[in-house]
C-alpha cells in the first residue's frame, strides 16, 4: 500500500482532481504497474482499494493544492 500512496503523492494535483473516477483508477494502476509487476489478483485488489480511497485521494489533492505543494 505504501507504493500506492507514493504514486498518488507523485501524481499532479490537477490530474487527481480533474480525471473522472474510472480514468484516475486506471492511471494510478498503470503507474503502479510501471514500477512493479502486478499479478491479476493483486490488480483486482488494488483496483478495489483505489476505488474505495478516491474521496480520500481527492481530499489529499485538494489539501496539497491549498498549501501550494503541487510542484510536479
N, C-alpha and C. Protein backbone atom coordinates (compact mmCIF):
# COMPACT_ATOMS: atom_id res chain seq x y z
N UNK A 1 0.81 -1.20 0.00
CA UNK A 1 0.00 0.00 0.00
C UNK A 1 0.86 1.27 0.00
N UNK A 2 2.06 1.16 0.56
CA UNK A 2 2.96 2.32 0.54
C UNK A 2 3.23 2.75 -0.90
N UNK A 3 3.41 1.78 -1.77
CA UNK A 3 3.68 2.07 -3.18
C UNK A 3 2.50 2.82 -3.81
N UNK A 4 1.29 2.42 -3.44
CA UNK A 4 0.09 3.09 -3.97
C UNK A 4 0.11 4.57 -3.58
N UNK A 5 0.37 4.84 -2.31
CA UNK A 5 0.35 6.23 -1.84
C UNK A 5 1.54 7.01 -2.37
N UNK A 6 2.66 6.36 -2.60
CA UNK A 6 3.81 7.05 -3.21
C UNK A 6 3.44 7.50 -4.63
N UNK A 7 2.74 6.65 -5.36
CA UNK A 7 2.31 7.00 -6.72
C UNK A 7 1.31 8.15 -6.66
N UNK A 8 0.38 8.09 -5.72
CA UNK A 8 -0.61 9.15 -5.58
C UNK A 8 0.07 10.48 -5.28
N UNK A 9 1.03 10.46 -4.35
CA UNK A 9 1.72 11.69 -3.98
C UNK A 9 2.58 12.25 -5.11
N UNK A 10 3.03 11.38 -6.02
CA UNK A 10 3.86 11.86 -7.12
C UNK A 10 3.02 12.28 -8.34
N UNK A 11 1.73 12.06 -8.26
CA UNK A 11 0.83 12.44 -9.36
C UNK A 11 0.40 13.90 -9.18
N UNK A 12 0.35 14.63 -10.27
CA UNK A 12 -0.02 16.05 -10.22
C UNK A 12 -1.42 16.22 -9.63
N UNK A 13 -1.56 17.26 -8.82
CA UNK A 13 -2.85 17.57 -8.19
C UNK A 13 -3.93 17.75 -9.25
N UNK A 14 -3.62 18.45 -10.33
CA UNK A 14 -4.62 18.69 -11.37
C UNK A 14 -5.15 17.37 -11.93
N UNK A 15 -4.28 16.39 -12.08
CA UNK A 15 -4.70 15.08 -12.57
C UNK A 15 -5.62 14.41 -11.57
N UNK A 16 -5.24 14.43 -10.31
CA UNK A 16 -6.04 13.79 -9.27
C UNK A 16 -7.43 14.40 -9.15
N UNK A 17 -7.54 15.69 -9.42
CA UNK A 17 -8.81 16.38 -9.26
C UNK A 17 -9.66 16.41 -10.53
N UNK A 18 -9.03 16.34 -11.70
CA UNK A 18 -9.78 16.54 -12.94
C UNK A 18 -10.21 15.24 -13.62
N UNK A 19 -9.45 14.17 -13.42
CA UNK A 19 -9.82 12.90 -14.06
C UNK A 19 -11.09 12.36 -13.42
N UNK A 20 -11.94 11.70 -14.22
CA UNK A 20 -13.09 11.05 -13.60
C UNK A 20 -12.60 9.80 -12.87
N UNK A 21 -13.47 9.20 -12.08
CA UNK A 21 -13.06 8.09 -11.22
C UNK A 21 -12.41 6.94 -11.99
N UNK A 22 -13.05 6.51 -13.06
CA UNK A 22 -12.54 5.37 -13.83
C UNK A 22 -11.17 5.68 -14.41
N UNK A 23 -11.02 6.85 -15.01
CA UNK A 23 -9.74 7.22 -15.62
C UNK A 23 -8.64 7.35 -14.56
N UNK A 24 -8.99 7.88 -13.40
CA UNK A 24 -7.99 8.05 -12.35
C UNK A 24 -7.53 6.70 -11.81
N UNK A 25 -8.46 5.79 -11.59
CA UNK A 25 -8.09 4.45 -11.12
C UNK A 25 -7.16 3.79 -12.14
N UNK A 26 -7.52 3.87 -13.42
CA UNK A 26 -6.69 3.26 -14.46
C UNK A 26 -5.30 3.89 -14.52
N UNK A 27 -5.24 5.20 -14.42
CA UNK A 27 -3.95 5.89 -14.46
C UNK A 27 -3.06 5.46 -13.30
N UNK A 28 -3.62 5.42 -12.10
CA UNK A 28 -2.83 5.04 -10.93
C UNK A 28 -2.37 3.59 -11.03
N UNK A 29 -3.24 2.71 -11.53
CA UNK A 29 -2.84 1.32 -11.72
C UNK A 29 -1.71 1.20 -12.75
N UNK A 30 -1.81 1.95 -13.84
CA UNK A 30 -0.75 1.93 -14.86
C UNK A 30 0.58 2.40 -14.27
N UNK A 31 0.53 3.44 -13.44
CA UNK A 31 1.76 3.94 -12.83
C UNK A 31 2.35 2.91 -11.87
N UNK A 32 1.49 2.21 -11.14
CA UNK A 32 1.98 1.15 -10.25
C UNK A 32 2.61 0.02 -11.04
N UNK A 33 1.95 -0.37 -12.13
CA UNK A 33 2.46 -1.46 -12.97
C UNK A 33 3.80 -1.10 -13.61
N UNK A 34 4.02 0.18 -13.84
CA UNK A 34 5.30 0.62 -14.42
C UNK A 34 6.43 0.45 -13.40
N UNK A 35 6.09 0.45 -12.11
CA UNK A 35 7.10 0.33 -11.06
C UNK A 35 7.34 -1.11 -10.62
N UNK A 36 6.32 -1.95 -10.77
CA UNK A 36 6.46 -3.33 -10.32
C UNK A 36 5.50 -4.23 -11.07
N UNK A 37 5.81 -5.52 -11.09
CA UNK A 37 4.93 -6.49 -11.73
C UNK A 37 3.76 -6.77 -10.79
N UNK A 38 2.58 -6.69 -11.33
CA UNK A 38 1.37 -6.92 -10.54
C UNK A 38 0.58 -8.05 -11.19
N UNK A 39 0.32 -9.11 -10.41
CA UNK A 39 -0.44 -10.23 -10.97
C UNK A 39 -1.94 -9.88 -11.00
N UNK A 40 -2.72 -10.74 -11.62
CA UNK A 40 -4.14 -10.45 -11.84
C UNK A 40 -4.89 -10.26 -10.52
N UNK A 41 -4.61 -11.09 -9.52
CA UNK A 41 -5.31 -10.97 -8.24
C UNK A 41 -4.97 -9.64 -7.56
N UNK A 42 -3.70 -9.27 -7.57
CA UNK A 42 -3.28 -8.00 -6.97
C UNK A 42 -3.90 -6.84 -7.74
N UNK A 43 -4.01 -6.96 -9.05
CA UNK A 43 -4.62 -5.92 -9.88
C UNK A 43 -6.06 -5.67 -9.43
N UNK A 44 -6.80 -6.74 -9.21
CA UNK A 44 -8.19 -6.62 -8.77
C UNK A 44 -8.25 -5.98 -7.38
N UNK A 45 -7.39 -6.44 -6.49
CA UNK A 45 -7.37 -5.90 -5.13
C UNK A 45 -7.00 -4.42 -5.12
N UNK A 46 -5.99 -4.05 -5.91
CA UNK A 46 -5.56 -2.66 -5.97
C UNK A 46 -6.65 -1.78 -6.58
N UNK A 47 -7.31 -2.30 -7.60
CA UNK A 47 -8.40 -1.57 -8.23
C UNK A 47 -9.49 -1.27 -7.19
N UNK A 48 -9.87 -2.27 -6.43
CA UNK A 48 -10.89 -2.11 -5.39
C UNK A 48 -10.42 -1.14 -4.31
N UNK A 49 -9.17 -1.27 -3.91
CA UNK A 49 -8.61 -0.40 -2.86
C UNK A 49 -8.61 1.07 -3.32
N UNK A 50 -8.11 1.30 -4.53
CA UNK A 50 -8.03 2.67 -5.04
C UNK A 50 -9.43 3.27 -5.16
N UNK A 51 -10.38 2.49 -5.69
CA UNK A 51 -11.76 2.99 -5.82
C UNK A 51 -12.32 3.39 -4.45
N UNK A 52 -12.01 2.57 -3.43
CA UNK A 52 -12.55 2.87 -2.10
C UNK A 52 -11.90 4.09 -1.47
N UNK A 53 -10.72 4.46 -1.96
CA UNK A 53 -9.98 5.59 -1.39
C UNK A 53 -10.08 6.86 -2.23
N UNK A 54 -10.87 6.86 -3.29
CA UNK A 54 -10.96 8.03 -4.16
C UNK A 54 -11.35 9.31 -3.42
N UNK A 55 -12.33 9.27 -2.51
CA UNK A 55 -12.63 10.52 -1.78
C UNK A 55 -11.42 11.01 -0.97
N UNK A 56 -10.70 10.10 -0.33
CA UNK A 56 -9.51 10.48 0.43
C UNK A 56 -8.41 11.00 -0.50
N UNK A 57 -8.24 10.35 -1.65
CA UNK A 57 -7.23 10.78 -2.62
C UNK A 57 -7.52 12.20 -3.08
N UNK A 58 -8.77 12.48 -3.39
CA UNK A 58 -9.15 13.82 -3.85
C UNK A 58 -9.03 14.86 -2.73
N UNK A 59 -9.41 14.47 -1.51
CA UNK A 59 -9.25 15.39 -0.37
C UNK A 59 -7.78 15.72 -0.14
N UNK A 60 -6.93 14.71 -0.24
CA UNK A 60 -5.48 14.92 -0.08
C UNK A 60 -4.96 15.85 -1.17
N UNK A 61 -5.43 15.66 -2.40
CA UNK A 61 -5.01 16.51 -3.51
C UNK A 61 -5.45 17.95 -3.28
N UNK A 62 -6.67 18.13 -2.79
CA UNK A 62 -7.15 19.49 -2.51
C UNK A 62 -6.32 20.14 -1.41
N UNK A 63 -5.91 19.35 -0.43
CA UNK A 63 -5.03 19.86 0.62
C UNK A 63 -3.69 20.29 0.07
N UNK A 64 -3.14 19.48 -0.85
CA UNK A 64 -1.87 19.85 -1.48
C UNK A 64 -2.03 21.14 -2.27
N UNK A 65 -3.16 21.29 -2.92
CA UNK A 65 -3.43 22.49 -3.72
C UNK A 65 -3.51 23.72 -2.82
N UNK A 66 -4.24 23.60 -1.69
CA UNK A 66 -4.36 24.76 -0.80
C UNK A 66 -3.06 25.14 -0.13
N UNK A 67 -2.19 24.18 0.06
CA UNK A 67 -0.90 24.51 0.69
C UNK A 67 0.20 24.78 -0.34
N UNK A 68 -0.19 24.81 -1.61
CA UNK A 68 0.78 25.14 -2.66
C UNK A 68 1.88 24.12 -2.82
N UNK A 69 1.55 22.85 -2.56
CA UNK A 69 2.57 21.82 -2.64
C UNK A 69 2.57 21.07 -3.95
N UNK A 70 1.86 21.57 -4.92
CA UNK A 70 1.85 20.90 -6.23
C UNK A 70 3.02 21.41 -7.05
N UNK A 71 4.17 20.83 -6.79
CA UNK A 71 5.38 21.27 -7.50
C UNK A 71 5.83 20.25 -8.52
N UNK A 72 4.86 19.50 -9.08
CA UNK A 72 5.20 18.49 -10.10
C UNK A 72 4.89 19.02 -11.47
